[in-house]
């Protein structure tokens, strides 16, 4: 019975060793799988953050470029008033182009606003308000110029004091916005 007992004990020890080995392998595989899942989640999270940042950069860029396009178009209208070169129809066409640029700015503004948290909305509002203020001042200057009676069939060149008083504030707001956008996106 001793020999048989030794075989049974040996078989039991072998089986328990196999079970312990299997449990160890299973636990190790489970930990490794969990680590792989965590790495995949981290990679997905990093890719999502990079994509979000890239989209926000593009939206910020679109807004500032559309603001600059509107500003440049307002300067063209201002130049027409200063030189009195165009007729009223040409001036109205240039003003309509300003309105188009402002609509483009509004579209870019709302795309950006959808991506921003509440604490970043104020900078966008300040920038667009500066554009609207400048545009309103330009409209007032153009209307005042158009109300002048033409002499000898042509209007006298005129200044744009309201617009000129607002353009530096717009330029300053654009620089401030660009600086705050850079700080948010690149630091």
Protein backbone atom coordinates (compact mmCIF):
# COMPACT_ATOMS: atom_id res chain seq x y z
CA UNK A 1 0.00 0.00 0.00
CA UNK A 2 2.92 2.25 0.48
CA UNK A 3 3.79 2.16 -3.18
CA UNK A 4 0.25 2.84 -4.21
CA UNK A 5 -0.02 5.56 -1.65
CA UNK A 6 3.09 7.21 -3.06
CA UNK A 7 1.59 7.07 -6.56
CA UNK A 8 -1.65 8.66 -5.34
CA UNK A 9 0.23 11.36 -3.41
CA UNK A 10 2.49 11.98 -6.39
CA UNK A 11 -0.51 12.22 -8.70
CA UNK A 12 -2.27 14.58 -6.29
CA UNK A 13 0.82 16.76 -6.01
CA UNK A 14 1.18 16.77 -9.78
CA UNK A 15 -2.47 17.67 -10.26
CA UNK A 16 -2.30 20.43 -7.65
CA UNK A 17 0.85 21.76 -9.32
CA UNK A 18 -0.96 21.81 -12.64
CA UNK A 19 -3.92 23.62 -11.07
CA UNK A 20 -1.63 26.16 -9.40
CA UNK A 21 0.22 26.63 -12.70
CA UNK A 22 -3.04 27.10 -14.56
CA UNK A 23 -4.31 29.61 -11.99
CA UNK A 24 -1.04 31.50 -12.13
CA UNK A 25 -1.17 31.61 -15.93
CA UNK A 26 -4.81 32.70 -15.86
CA UNK A 27 -4.10 35.49 -13.34
CA UNK A 28 -1.08 36.63 -15.30
CA UNK A 29 -3.03 36.64 -18.57
CA UNK A 30 -5.84 38.55 -16.92
CA UNK A 31 -3.47 41.21 -15.56
CA UNK A 32 -1.79 41.47 -18.93
CA UNK A 33 -5.14 41.82 -20.70
CA UNK A 34 -6.21 44.50 -18.24
CA UNK A 35 -2.95 46.36 -18.85
CA UNK A 36 -3.51 46.15 -22.62
CA UNK A 37 -7.04 47.51 -22.21
CA UNK A 38 -5.77 50.40 -20.08
CA UNK A 39 -3.07 51.20 -22.64
CA UNK A 40 -5.65 51.13 -25.45
CA UNK A 41 -7.95 53.43 -23.46
CA UNK A 42 -5.06 55.81 -22.79
CA UNK A 43 -4.11 55.82 -26.47
CA UNK A 44 -7.72 56.45 -27.49
CA UNK A 45 -8.02 59.25 -24.94
CA UNK A 46 -4.79 60.85 -26.17
CA UNK A 47 -5.89 60.58 -29.81
CA UNK A 48 -9.26 62.13 -28.94
CA UNK A 49 -7.59 64.99 -27.06
CA UNK A 50 -5.21 65.62 -29.97
CA UNK A 51 -8.09 65.60 -32.46
CA UNK A 52 -10.15 67.95 -30.29
CA UNK A 53 -7.22 70.33 -29.96
CA UNK A 54 -6.63 70.25 -33.72
CA UNK A 55 -10.30 71.04 -34.38
CA UNK A 56 -10.27 73.87 -31.85
CA UNK A 57 -7.12 75.29 -33.44
CA UNK A 58 -8.80 75.20 -36.84
CA UNK A 59 -11.95 76.85 -35.44
CA UNK A 60 -9.95 79.57 -33.69
CA UNK A 61 -8.01 80.14 -36.90
CA UNK A 62 -11.18 80.32 -39.01
CA UNK A 63 -12.68 82.89 -36.66
CA UNK A 64 -9.65 85.17 -36.53
CA UNK A 65 -9.19 84.94 -40.31
CA UNK A 66 -12.85 85.79 -40.93
CA UNK A 67 -12.61 88.73 -38.51
CA UNK A 68 -9.54 89.94 -40.37
CA UNK A 69 -11.33 89.55 -43.73
CA UNK A 70 -14.22 91.64 -42.42
CA UNK A 71 -11.79 94.25 -41.07
CA UNK A 72 -9.95 94.44 -44.40
CA UNK A 73 -13.24 94.80 -46.29
CA UNK A 74 -14.30 97.61 -43.93
CA UNK A 75 -11.02 99.35 -44.72
CA UNK A 76 -11.83 99.14 -48.44
CA UNK A 77 -15.18 100.85 -47.80
CA UNK A 78 -13.39 103.44 -45.66
CA UNK A 79 -10.91 104.07 -48.47
CA UNK A 80 -13.78 104.69 -50.91
CA UNK A 81 -15.18 107.35 -48.60
CA UNK A 82 -11.75 108.94 -48.16
CA UNK A 83 -11.13 109.20 -51.89
CA UNK A 84 -14.74 109.51 -53.06
CA UNK A 85 -13.65 107.52 -56.09
CA UNK A 86 -16.58 105.15 -56.47
CA UNK A 87 -20.11 105.85 -57.28
CA UNK A 88 -22.81 105.03 -54.81
CA UNK A 89 -23.49 101.69 -56.50
CA UNK A 90 -19.87 100.60 -56.15
CA UNK A 91 -19.84 101.73 -52.53
CA UNK A 92 -23.03 99.78 -51.80
CA UNK A 93 -21.48 96.69 -53.43
CA UNK A 94 -18.44 97.03 -51.16
CA UNK A 95 -20.73 97.43 -48.15
CA UNK A 96 -22.60 94.28 -49.16
CA UNK A 97 -19.27 92.47 -49.25
CA UNK A 98 -18.63 93.64 -45.67
CA UNK A 99 -21.96 92.13 -44.68
CA UNK A 100 -20.97 88.86 -46.39
CA UNK A 101 -17.68 88.82 -44.48
CA UNK A 102 -19.54 89.42 -41.22
CA UNK A 103 -21.89 86.51 -41.98
CA UNK A 104 -18.84 84.32 -42.59
CA UNK A 105 -17.44 85.53 -39.27
CA UNK A 106 -20.70 84.65 -37.53
CA UNK A 107 -20.60 81.12 -38.96
CA UNK A 108 -17.00 80.67 -37.77
CA UNK A 109 -17.95 82.15 -34.41
CA UNK A 110 -20.68 79.59 -33.80
CA UNK A 111 -18.56 76.66 -34.89
CA UNK A 112 -15.97 77.76 -32.33
CA UNK A 113 -18.55 78.44 -29.63
CA UNK A 114 -19.81 74.87 -29.89
CA UNK A 115 -16.35 73.65 -28.90
CA UNK A 116 -15.65 76.05 -26.04
CA UNK A 117 -16.42 75.79 -22.36
CA UNK A 118 -18.21 78.71 -20.71
CA UNK A 119 -15.03 80.30 -19.37
CA UNK A 120 -13.65 80.72 -22.91
CA UNK A 121 -16.82 82.21 -24.43
CA UNK A 122 -16.10 85.74 -23.19
CA UNK A 123 -13.07 86.21 -25.44
CA UNK A 124 -15.16 85.31 -28.50
CA UNK A 125 -17.93 87.68 -27.42
CA UNK A 126 -15.46 90.54 -26.88
CA UNK A 127 -13.92 90.01 -30.31
CA UNK A 128 -17.20 89.86 -32.20
CA UNK A 129 -18.55 92.86 -30.29
CA UNK A 130 -15.47 94.83 -31.38
CA UNK A 131 -16.22 93.90 -35.02
CA UNK A 132 -19.86 94.92 -34.67
CA UNK A 133 -18.90 98.22 -33.02
CA UNK A 134 -16.44 99.04 -35.81
CA UNK A 135 -18.94 98.06 -38.46
CA UNK A 136 -21.67 100.18 -36.90
CA UNK A 137 -19.30 103.17 -36.76
CA UNK A 138 -18.39 102.66 -40.41
CA UNK A 139 -22.07 102.53 -41.39
CA UNK A 140 -22.67 105.82 -39.57
CA UNK A 141 -19.69 107.43 -41.34
CA UNK A 142 -20.79 106.18 -44.76
CA UNK A 143 -24.37 107.30 -44.18
CA UNK A 144 -23.17 110.76 -43.13
CA UNK A 145 -21.00 110.93 -46.25
CA UNK A 146 -23.88 109.85 -48.49
CA UNK A 147 -26.12 112.52 -46.96
CA UNK A 148 -23.74 115.23 -48.19
CA UNK A 149 -24.93 116.93 -51.30
CA UNK A 150 -22.68 116.12 -54.23
CA UNK A 151 -20.82 119.09 -55.65
CA UNK A 152 -20.37 119.12 -59.40
CA UNK A 153 -21.79 115.62 -59.59
CA UNK A 154 -19.18 114.16 -57.24
CA UNK A 155 -19.02 113.80 -53.50
CA UNK A 156 -16.27 115.44 -51.53
CA UNK A 157 -13.80 113.06 -49.90
CA UNK A 158 -14.55 112.66 -46.25
CA UNK A 159 -12.99 111.24 -43.16
CA UNK A 160 -14.41 108.38 -41.15
CA UNK A 161 -13.96 109.66 -37.61
CA UNK A 162 -16.31 107.20 -35.93
CA UNK A 163 -14.73 104.21 -37.64
CA UNK A 164 -11.20 105.52 -37.15
CA UNK A 165 -11.92 105.85 -33.44
CA UNK A 166 -13.00 102.18 -33.26
CA UNK A 167 -10.48 100.49 -35.52
CA UNK A 168 -7.64 100.56 -33.00
CA UNK A 169 -9.93 98.92 -30.41
CA UNK A 170 -10.75 96.20 -32.94
CA UNK A 171 -7.07 95.67 -33.72
CA UNK A 172 -6.27 95.51 -30.01
CA UNK A 173 -9.08 93.02 -29.40
CA UNK A 174 -7.83 90.85 -32.26
CA UNK A 175 -4.35 90.77 -30.74
CA UNK A 176 -5.74 90.01 -27.29
CA UNK A 177 -7.89 87.20 -28.70
CA UNK A 178 -4.96 85.71 -30.60
CA UNK A 179 -2.82 85.81 -27.47
CA UNK A 180 -5.44 84.14 -25.30
CA UNK A 181 -6.13 81.52 -27.99
CA UNK A 182 -2.42 80.76 -28.23
CA UNK A 183 -2.20 80.38 -24.46
CA UNK A 184 -5.16 77.96 -24.44
CA UNK A 185 -4.02 75.87 -27.36
CA UNK A 186 -0.26 75.72 -27.05
CA UNK A 187 0.48 75.67 -23.33
